Structure formats: C-alpha cells, structure tokens
Amino acid sequence: MLWVFLRFARATVVAKTDGLSTEQLTQRHIGSATTLGGLLSHLAFVEYDWFANRLGGGDVPMPFGPEDPDGDWRTGDIGRADLVTRYRAACATSDEVIAALDLDSVGAQTDSDYTLRWAMTHLVAETHRHAGHADVLRELTDGIRGW
C-alpha cells in the first residue's frame, strides 16, 4: 500500500507540470526558491538520497550542502522533459531498492536505524505535501486546477 501511494504522489507531481514551458517551470510565485521545476528537481534528489544512497548504499552526489541548502531546488534552463526524465530515473532507482528490501530492513546504512517502511512513509508524506504545493503553484502559473 505504501508503494501504491508513493507512485500516485509521484504521478501527481509530474502531471502538475504537463504542458508547461521552461519559463513557467521556473516562475516564482512566492519568496522562496520553490517552483514547479524545483519541486521535480528536489524530489528527484530526495528519492536518490533516501533510497539509492541511504538504503541502497549508493553514492549519488547531492547538488547542495550546508553552504547551499537550496541547491536541489535550482533547475537553471533545464526543460520539463529533462526534469521529468531525471525524476523518473530517480524513482526507478528507488523502486529497484524498494523491491530488493523487506519493509523492516535498514538496507546498506551503517549508522542509522531508518527502515524501508520509515523511508517509504516519509517519502509518501513528503511527495504528497509537495504535490499540494504543485497544485497551488500550477494554479498561480496558468489557472489550471485539478488532475
């Protein structure tokens, strides 16, 4: 059930960007770095961090650090197709790790007790929360509501 809800949240975020230009994806409506394109970028790195790196033992580099905590939100001139491809690749990598572990496994982590169940629950909540942000940002961008 966790996987079903995670997949639904992922699809919702992607759908909220359908038909948008690069300019629209990077349009800021609020005072932070939060944009529709930034949501896709951020969520890709969240997927990689939790599943590929922490649970899977990978080493996918993160484009941010203490000196640039919003680095994963910046997309530059990357278009929608590339952002969606990057996000879907991250999700596919996550799904491989999810399929290889049981829900109570901590995977490859050496200094943590986060289980796959905890990470999936966290990603379901985070992705759905950002899907809500995407609802508002999409409506502010071009008036489109729903999905």
N, C-alpha and C. Protein backbone atom coordinates (compact mmCIF):
# COMPACT_ATOMS: atom_id res chain seq x y z
N MET A 1 0.82 -1.19 0.00
CA MET A 1 0.00 0.00 0.00
C MET A 1 0.87 1.26 0.00
N LEU A 2 1.98 1.22 0.75
CA LEU A 2 2.89 2.38 0.75
C LEU A 2 3.39 2.67 -0.66
N TRP A 3 3.74 1.62 -1.39
CA TRP A 3 4.27 1.78 -2.73
C TRP A 3 3.21 2.37 -3.67
N VAL A 4 1.97 1.94 -3.51
CA VAL A 4 0.87 2.47 -4.33
C VAL A 4 0.70 3.96 -4.09
N PHE A 5 0.69 4.37 -2.82
CA PHE A 5 0.53 5.78 -2.51
C PHE A 5 1.73 6.61 -2.97
N LEU A 6 2.92 6.04 -2.88
CA LEU A 6 4.11 6.74 -3.36
C LEU A 6 4.03 6.93 -4.88
N ARG A 7 3.65 5.90 -5.58
CA ARG A 7 3.53 6.01 -7.04
C ARG A 7 2.47 7.03 -7.44
N PHE A 8 1.36 7.06 -6.72
CA PHE A 8 0.31 8.03 -7.02
C PHE A 8 0.81 9.46 -6.80
N ALA A 9 1.52 9.68 -5.69
CA ALA A 9 2.05 11.02 -5.41
C ALA A 9 3.05 11.43 -6.48
N ARG A 10 3.92 10.52 -6.89
CA ARG A 10 4.90 10.82 -7.94
C ARG A 10 4.20 11.23 -9.23
N ALA A 11 3.19 10.46 -9.62
CA ALA A 11 2.46 10.75 -10.86
C ALA A 11 1.74 12.09 -10.77
N THR A 12 1.23 12.43 -9.61
CA THR A 12 0.53 13.70 -9.41
C THR A 12 1.47 14.87 -9.62
N VAL A 13 2.67 14.80 -9.03
CA VAL A 13 3.63 15.89 -9.17
C VAL A 13 4.02 16.07 -10.64
N VAL A 14 4.26 14.98 -11.33
CA VAL A 14 4.62 15.07 -12.76
C VAL A 14 3.46 15.67 -13.55
N ALA A 15 2.25 15.22 -13.28
CA ALA A 15 1.08 15.72 -14.02
C ALA A 15 0.89 17.21 -13.84
N LYS A 16 1.25 17.73 -12.70
CA LYS A 16 1.09 19.16 -12.43
C LYS A 16 1.99 20.02 -13.32
N THR A 17 2.96 19.40 -13.99
CA THR A 17 3.87 20.15 -14.86
C THR A 17 3.55 19.96 -16.34
N ASP A 18 2.54 19.15 -16.65
CA ASP A 18 2.20 18.89 -18.05
C ASP A 18 1.96 20.18 -18.81
N GLY A 19 2.59 20.28 -19.98
CA GLY A 19 2.34 21.38 -20.88
C GLY A 19 3.00 22.70 -20.54
N LEU A 20 3.85 22.72 -19.54
CA LEU A 20 4.48 23.98 -19.13
C LEU A 20 5.82 24.19 -19.82
N SER A 21 6.12 25.45 -20.10
CA SER A 21 7.40 25.83 -20.68
C SER A 21 8.46 25.88 -19.57
N THR A 22 9.71 25.97 -19.99
CA THR A 22 10.80 26.12 -19.02
C THR A 22 10.60 27.39 -18.21
N GLU A 23 10.18 28.44 -18.87
CA GLU A 23 9.92 29.70 -18.17
C GLU A 23 8.85 29.53 -17.10
N GLN A 24 7.79 28.82 -17.42
CA GLN A 24 6.73 28.60 -16.44
C GLN A 24 7.20 27.70 -15.30
N LEU A 25 8.03 26.72 -15.62
CA LEU A 25 8.54 25.81 -14.58
C LEU A 25 9.43 26.52 -13.58
N THR A 26 10.07 27.60 -14.01
CA THR A 26 10.99 28.32 -13.13
C THR A 26 10.39 29.60 -12.56
N GLN A 27 9.13 29.83 -12.86
CA GLN A 27 8.45 31.04 -12.38
C GLN A 27 8.25 30.96 -10.87
N ARG A 28 8.64 32.03 -10.19
CA ARG A 28 8.47 32.11 -8.73
C ARG A 28 7.21 32.90 -8.39
N HIS A 29 6.42 32.30 -7.53
CA HIS A 29 5.19 32.95 -7.08
C HIS A 29 5.26 33.33 -5.60
N ILE A 30 6.27 32.80 -4.93
CA ILE A 30 6.44 33.07 -3.51
C ILE A 30 7.89 33.47 -3.27
N GLY A 31 8.23 33.87 -2.08
CA GLY A 31 9.54 34.42 -1.79
C GLY A 31 10.68 33.43 -1.68
N SER A 32 10.41 32.14 -1.82
CA SER A 32 11.47 31.14 -1.71
C SER A 32 11.86 30.64 -3.09
N ALA A 33 12.74 29.65 -3.13
CA ALA A 33 13.20 29.05 -4.39
C ALA A 33 12.20 28.03 -4.92
N THR A 34 11.05 27.90 -4.31
CA THR A 34 10.06 26.90 -4.70
C THR A 34 9.41 27.25 -6.04
N THR A 35 9.62 26.37 -7.02
CA THR A 35 8.99 26.48 -8.33
C THR A 35 8.51 25.08 -8.72
N LEU A 36 7.70 24.99 -9.76
CA LEU A 36 7.26 23.67 -10.21
C LEU A 36 8.44 22.83 -10.68
N GLY A 37 9.36 23.42 -11.42
CA GLY A 37 10.55 22.68 -11.83
C GLY A 37 11.41 22.31 -10.64
N GLY A 38 11.51 23.23 -9.70
CA GLY A 38 12.28 22.98 -8.48
C GLY A 38 11.72 21.82 -7.68
N LEU A 39 10.39 21.68 -7.67
CA LEU A 39 9.77 20.54 -6.98
C LEU A 39 10.23 19.22 -7.59
N LEU A 40 10.22 19.15 -8.93
CA LEU A 40 10.69 17.92 -9.59
C LEU A 40 12.16 17.64 -9.26
N SER A 41 12.97 18.68 -9.32
CA SER A 41 14.39 18.52 -9.04
C SER A 41 14.62 18.08 -7.58
N HIS A 42 13.99 18.77 -6.66
CA HIS A 42 14.13 18.45 -5.24
C HIS A 42 13.69 17.01 -4.96
N LEU A 43 12.53 16.62 -5.50
CA LEU A 43 12.03 15.28 -5.23
C LEU A 43 12.91 14.20 -5.84
N ALA A 44 13.55 14.48 -6.97
CA ALA A 44 14.49 13.51 -7.54
C ALA A 44 15.63 13.26 -6.56
N PHE A 45 16.17 14.33 -6.01
CA PHE A 45 17.30 14.15 -5.09
C PHE A 45 16.86 13.54 -3.76
N VAL A 46 15.64 13.81 -3.33
CA VAL A 46 15.13 13.17 -2.12
C VAL A 46 15.02 11.66 -2.35
N GLU A 47 14.50 11.26 -3.50
CA GLU A 47 14.42 9.83 -3.84
C GLU A 47 15.82 9.20 -3.83
N TYR A 48 16.76 9.84 -4.54
CA TYR A 48 18.12 9.31 -4.57
C TYR A 48 18.74 9.23 -3.17
N ASP A 49 18.54 10.27 -2.38
CA ASP A 49 19.15 10.30 -1.05
C ASP A 49 18.63 9.17 -0.17
N TRP A 50 17.30 9.06 -0.09
CA TRP A 50 16.75 8.05 0.82
C TRP A 50 16.94 6.63 0.32
N PHE A 51 16.61 6.39 -0.94
CA PHE A 51 16.61 5.00 -1.40
C PHE A 51 17.95 4.56 -2.00
N ALA A 52 18.48 5.29 -2.95
CA ALA A 52 19.73 4.87 -3.58
C ALA A 52 20.89 4.96 -2.59
N ASN A 53 21.01 6.09 -1.92
CA ASN A 53 22.17 6.30 -1.06
C ASN A 53 22.02 5.65 0.31
N ARG A 54 21.03 6.05 1.07
CA ARG A 54 20.92 5.56 2.45
C ARG A 54 20.60 4.08 2.53
N LEU A 55 19.54 3.67 1.86
CA LEU A 55 19.13 2.26 1.95
C LEU A 55 19.88 1.37 0.96
N GLY A 56 20.20 1.91 -0.21
CA GLY A 56 20.84 1.10 -1.24
C GLY A 56 22.36 1.11 -1.20
N GLY A 57 22.95 2.01 -0.42
CA GLY A 57 24.40 2.06 -0.31
C GLY A 57 25.09 2.72 -1.48
N GLY A 58 24.34 3.46 -2.30
CA GLY A 58 24.91 4.15 -3.44
C GLY A 58 25.63 5.42 -3.06
N ASP A 59 26.09 6.12 -4.07
CA ASP A 59 26.81 7.36 -3.85
C ASP A 59 26.39 8.39 -4.90
N VAL A 60 25.08 8.62 -5.00
CA VAL A 60 24.59 9.64 -5.93
C VAL A 60 24.90 11.00 -5.30
N PRO A 61 25.69 11.83 -5.98
CA PRO A 61 26.06 13.12 -5.39
C PRO A 61 24.86 14.06 -5.28
N MET A 62 24.82 14.79 -4.21
CA MET A 62 23.77 15.77 -3.98
C MET A 62 24.29 17.15 -4.39
N PRO A 63 23.48 17.96 -5.09
CA PRO A 63 23.96 19.25 -5.61
C PRO A 63 23.87 20.38 -4.60
N PHE A 64 24.00 20.04 -3.35
CA PHE A 64 23.85 21.06 -2.31
C PHE A 64 24.59 20.61 -1.07
N GLY A 65 24.75 21.50 -0.18
CA GLY A 65 25.39 21.22 1.08
C GLY A 65 25.07 22.34 2.03
N PRO A 66 25.74 22.37 3.16
CA PRO A 66 25.45 23.41 4.16
C PRO A 66 25.58 24.82 3.58
N GLU A 67 26.50 24.99 2.62
CA GLU A 67 26.72 26.32 2.04
C GLU A 67 25.64 26.68 1.02
N ASP A 68 24.85 25.71 0.55
CA ASP A 68 23.82 25.95 -0.46
C ASP A 68 22.65 25.00 -0.23
N PRO A 69 21.89 25.20 0.84
CA PRO A 69 20.82 24.25 1.18
C PRO A 69 19.69 24.19 0.15
N ASP A 70 19.59 25.17 -0.74
CA ASP A 70 18.53 25.16 -1.75
C ASP A 70 19.02 24.69 -3.12
N GLY A 71 20.22 24.14 -3.20
CA GLY A 71 20.79 23.74 -4.48
C GLY A 71 19.96 22.73 -5.24
N ASP A 72 19.28 21.85 -4.53
CA ASP A 72 18.46 20.85 -5.22
C ASP A 72 17.18 21.43 -5.81
N TRP A 73 16.85 22.66 -5.46
CA TRP A 73 15.65 23.32 -5.98
C TRP A 73 15.93 24.10 -7.26
N ARG A 74 17.18 24.35 -7.55
CA ARG A 74 17.51 25.15 -8.74
C ARG A 74 17.60 24.26 -9.97
N THR A 75 17.02 24.74 -11.07
CA THR A 75 17.00 23.93 -12.29
C THR A 75 17.69 24.60 -13.46
N GLY A 76 18.02 25.88 -13.33
CA GLY A 76 18.64 26.58 -14.46
C GLY A 76 17.69 26.59 -15.64
N ASP A 77 18.21 26.26 -16.80
CA ASP A 77 17.40 26.26 -18.02
C ASP A 77 16.98 24.85 -18.44
N ILE A 78 16.98 23.93 -17.51
CA ILE A 78 16.59 22.56 -17.83
C ILE A 78 15.09 22.54 -18.13
N GLY A 79 14.72 21.96 -19.25
CA GLY A 79 13.32 21.88 -19.65
C GLY A 79 12.56 20.78 -18.94
N ARG A 80 11.25 20.80 -19.14
CA ARG A 80 10.38 19.84 -18.48
C ARG A 80 10.76 18.40 -18.81
N ALA A 81 10.99 18.10 -20.08
CA ALA A 81 11.29 16.71 -20.46
C ALA A 81 12.50 16.18 -19.70
N ASP A 82 13.54 16.99 -19.58
CA ASP A 82 14.74 16.55 -18.86
C ASP A 82 14.49 16.44 -17.36
N LEU A 83 13.71 17.37 -16.80
CA LEU A 83 13.38 17.28 -15.37
C LEU A 83 12.55 16.04 -15.07
N VAL A 84 11.58 15.76 -15.91
CA VAL A 84 10.74 14.58 -15.71
C VAL A 84 11.57 13.31 -15.89
N THR A 85 12.45 13.30 -16.89
CA THR A 85 13.33 12.14 -17.10
C THR A 85 14.20 11.91 -15.87
N ARG A 86 14.78 12.99 -15.34
CA ARG A 86 15.62 12.86 -14.14
C ARG A 86 14.81 12.33 -12.96
N TYR A 87 13.61 12.87 -12.77
CA TYR A 87 12.77 12.43 -11.67
C TYR A 87 12.37 10.96 -11.83
N ARG A 88 11.96 10.59 -13.04
CA ARG A 88 11.55 9.20 -13.27
C ARG A 88 12.73 8.24 -13.10
N ALA A 89 13.93 8.67 -13.48
CA ALA A 89 15.11 7.83 -13.28
C ALA A 89 15.37 7.63 -11.79
N ALA A 90 15.22 8.70 -11.02
CA ALA A 90 15.39 8.59 -9.56
C ALA A 90 14.35 7.64 -8.98
N CYS A 91 13.12 7.77 -9.44
CA CYS A 91 12.05 6.90 -8.94
C CYS A 91 12.30 5.44 -9.33
N ALA A 92 12.79 5.21 -10.54
CA ALA A 92 13.10 3.84 -10.98
C ALA A 92 14.21 3.24 -10.12
N THR A 93 15.22 4.05 -9.82
CA THR A 93 16.30 3.58 -8.93
C THR A 93 15.73 3.26 -7.56
N SER A 94 14.89 4.14 -7.05
CA SER A 94 14.24 3.90 -5.75
C SER A 94 13.45 2.59 -5.79
N ASP A 95 12.69 2.39 -6.86
CA ASP A 95 11.86 1.19 -6.95
C ASP A 95 12.70 -0.09 -6.96
N GLU A 96 13.89 -0.03 -7.55
CA GLU A 96 14.79 -1.19 -7.52
C GLU A 96 15.21 -1.49 -6.09
N VAL A 97 15.54 -0.45 -5.33
CA VAL A 97 15.95 -0.65 -3.93
C VAL A 97 14.77 -1.16 -3.12
N ILE A 98 13.61 -0.55 -3.32
CA ILE A 98 12.40 -0.97 -2.59
C ILE A 98 12.11 -2.44 -2.85
N ALA A 99 12.20 -2.87 -4.10
CA ALA A 99 11.91 -4.26 -4.46
C ALA A 99 12.90 -5.24 -3.85
N ALA A 100 14.11 -4.78 -3.58
CA ALA A 100 15.16 -5.67 -3.07
C ALA A 100 15.14 -5.83 -1.55
N LEU A 101 14.39 -4.99 -0.86
CA LEU A 101 14.40 -5.00 0.61
C LEU A 101 13.03 -5.36 1.16
N ASP A 102 13.02 -5.87 2.39
CA ASP A 102 11.73 -6.01 3.06
C ASP A 102 11.49 -4.74 3.88
N LEU A 103 10.27 -4.52 4.29
CA LEU A 103 9.89 -3.26 4.93
C LEU A 103 10.65 -2.96 6.22
N ASP A 104 11.12 -3.97 6.89
CA ASP A 104 11.83 -3.74 8.15
C ASP A 104 13.34 -3.69 8.00
N SER A 105 13.82 -3.79 6.77
CA SER A 105 15.26 -3.72 6.51
C SER A 105 15.76 -2.29 6.62
N VAL A 106 17.01 -2.15 7.09
CA VAL A 106 17.67 -0.85 7.10
C VAL A 106 18.63 -0.74 5.92
N GLY A 107 18.65 -1.75 5.06
CA GLY A 107 19.46 -1.71 3.86
C GLY A 107 20.93 -1.58 4.16
N ALA A 108 21.62 -0.77 3.39
CA ALA A 108 23.07 -0.64 3.46
C ALA A 108 23.55 0.36 4.50
N GLN A 109 22.64 1.00 5.20
CA GLN A 109 23.05 2.02 6.17
C GLN A 109 23.96 1.40 7.24
N THR A 110 24.93 2.15 7.67
CA THR A 110 25.82 1.64 8.70
C THR A 110 25.62 2.33 10.04
N ASP A 111 25.05 3.53 10.02
CA ASP A 111 24.92 4.26 11.29
C ASP A 111 23.51 4.80 11.50
N SER A 112 22.52 4.10 10.98
CA SER A 112 21.16 4.58 11.10
C SER A 112 20.21 3.42 11.30
N ASP A 113 19.06 3.73 11.83
CA ASP A 113 18.07 2.68 12.02
C ASP A 113 16.78 2.98 11.25
N TYR A 114 16.89 3.79 10.19
CA TYR A 114 15.73 4.03 9.35
C TYR A 114 15.42 2.76 8.57
N THR A 115 14.21 2.27 8.69
CA THR A 115 13.81 1.10 7.92
C THR A 115 13.24 1.54 6.58
N LEU A 116 13.10 0.58 5.68
CA LEU A 116 12.45 0.86 4.42
C LEU A 116 11.04 1.37 4.67
N ARG A 117 10.35 0.78 5.63
CA ARG A 117 8.98 1.21 5.97
C ARG A 117 8.98 2.69 6.37
N TRP A 118 9.95 3.10 7.20
CA TRP A 118 10.03 4.50 7.64
C TRP A 118 10.31 5.41 6.44
N ALA A 119 11.26 5.01 5.61
CA ALA A 119 11.62 5.84 4.46
C ALA A 119 10.46 5.96 3.47
N MET A 120 9.75 4.88 3.23
CA MET A 120 8.61 4.95 2.32
C MET A 120 7.50 5.83 2.88
N THR A 121 7.23 5.69 4.15
CA THR A 121 6.21 6.54 4.78
C THR A 121 6.61 8.00 4.69
N HIS A 122 7.88 8.26 4.96
CA HIS A 122 8.39 9.64 4.86
C HIS A 122 8.23 10.18 3.44
N LEU A 123 8.61 9.38 2.43
CA LEU A 123 8.51 9.84 1.03
C LEU A 123 7.08 9.98 0.59
N VAL A 124 6.18 9.13 1.05
CA VAL A 124 4.76 9.30 0.74
C VAL A 124 4.28 10.65 1.26
N ALA A 125 4.61 10.95 2.51
CA ALA A 125 4.18 12.23 3.10
C ALA A 125 4.83 13.41 2.39
N GLU A 126 6.12 13.34 2.16
CA GLU A 126 6.82 14.46 1.53
C GLU A 126 6.35 14.70 0.10
N THR A 127 6.20 13.63 -0.67
CA THR A 127 5.79 13.79 -2.06
C THR A 127 4.36 14.30 -2.15
N HIS A 128 3.48 13.80 -1.31
CA HIS A 128 2.10 14.32 -1.30
C HIS A 128 2.07 15.78 -0.85
N ARG A 129 2.87 16.12 0.10
CA ARG A 129 2.93 17.53 0.55
C ARG A 129 3.36 18.43 -0.62
N HIS A 130 4.39 18.00 -1.34
CA HIS A 130 4.85 18.79 -2.47
C HIS A 130 3.85 18.76 -3.64
N ALA A 131 3.07 17.71 -3.75
CA ALA A 131 2.00 17.69 -4.76
C ALA A 131 0.98 18.77 -4.43
N GLY A 132 0.73 18.99 -3.16
CA GLY A 132 -0.16 20.09 -2.75
C GLY A 132 0.43 21.44 -3.11
N HIS A 133 1.73 21.58 -2.90
CA HIS A 133 2.39 22.82 -3.31
C HIS A 133 2.26 22.99 -4.82
N ALA A 134 2.44 21.90 -5.56
CA ALA A 134 2.34 21.95 -7.01
C ALA A 134 0.93 22.36 -7.46
N ASP A 135 -0.09 21.92 -6.73
CA ASP A 135 -1.46 22.35 -7.04
C ASP A 135 -1.56 23.87 -7.04
N VAL A 136 -1.07 24.46 -5.97
CA VAL A 136 -1.16 25.92 -5.82
C VAL A 136 -0.30 26.62 -6.86
N LEU A 137 0.95 26.16 -7.03
CA LEU A 137 1.84 26.80 -8.00
C LEU A 137 1.30 26.69 -9.42
N ARG A 138 0.72 25.57 -9.78
CA ARG A 138 0.16 25.42 -11.13
C ARG A 138 -1.00 26.39 -11.32
N GLU A 139 -1.85 26.51 -10.33
CA GLU A 139 -2.97 27.44 -10.46
C GLU A 139 -2.48 28.88 -10.58
N LEU A 140 -1.44 29.23 -9.83
CA LEU A 140 -0.87 30.57 -9.93
C LEU A 140 -0.18 30.79 -11.27
N THR A 141 0.35 29.73 -11.86
CA THR A 141 1.07 29.85 -13.13
C THR A 141 0.12 30.10 -14.30
N ASP A 142 -0.91 29.26 -14.42
CA ASP A 142 -1.79 29.40 -15.60
C ASP A 142 -3.26 29.16 -15.32
N GLY A 143 -3.62 29.07 -14.05
CA GLY A 143 -5.03 28.91 -13.69
C GLY A 143 -5.55 27.48 -13.74
N ILE A 144 -4.71 26.54 -14.16
CA ILE A 144 -5.16 25.14 -14.26
C ILE A 144 -5.27 24.56 -12.86
N ARG A 145 -6.41 23.88 -12.62
CA ARG A 145 -6.62 23.23 -11.33
C ARG A 145 -7.02 21.78 -11.56
N GLY A 146 -6.79 20.98 -10.52
CA GLY A 146 -7.20 19.58 -10.55
C GLY A 146 -6.24 18.68 -11.28
N TRP A 147 -6.51 17.40 -11.22
CA TRP A 147 -5.82 16.38 -12.01
C TRP A 147 -6.56 15.09 -11.89
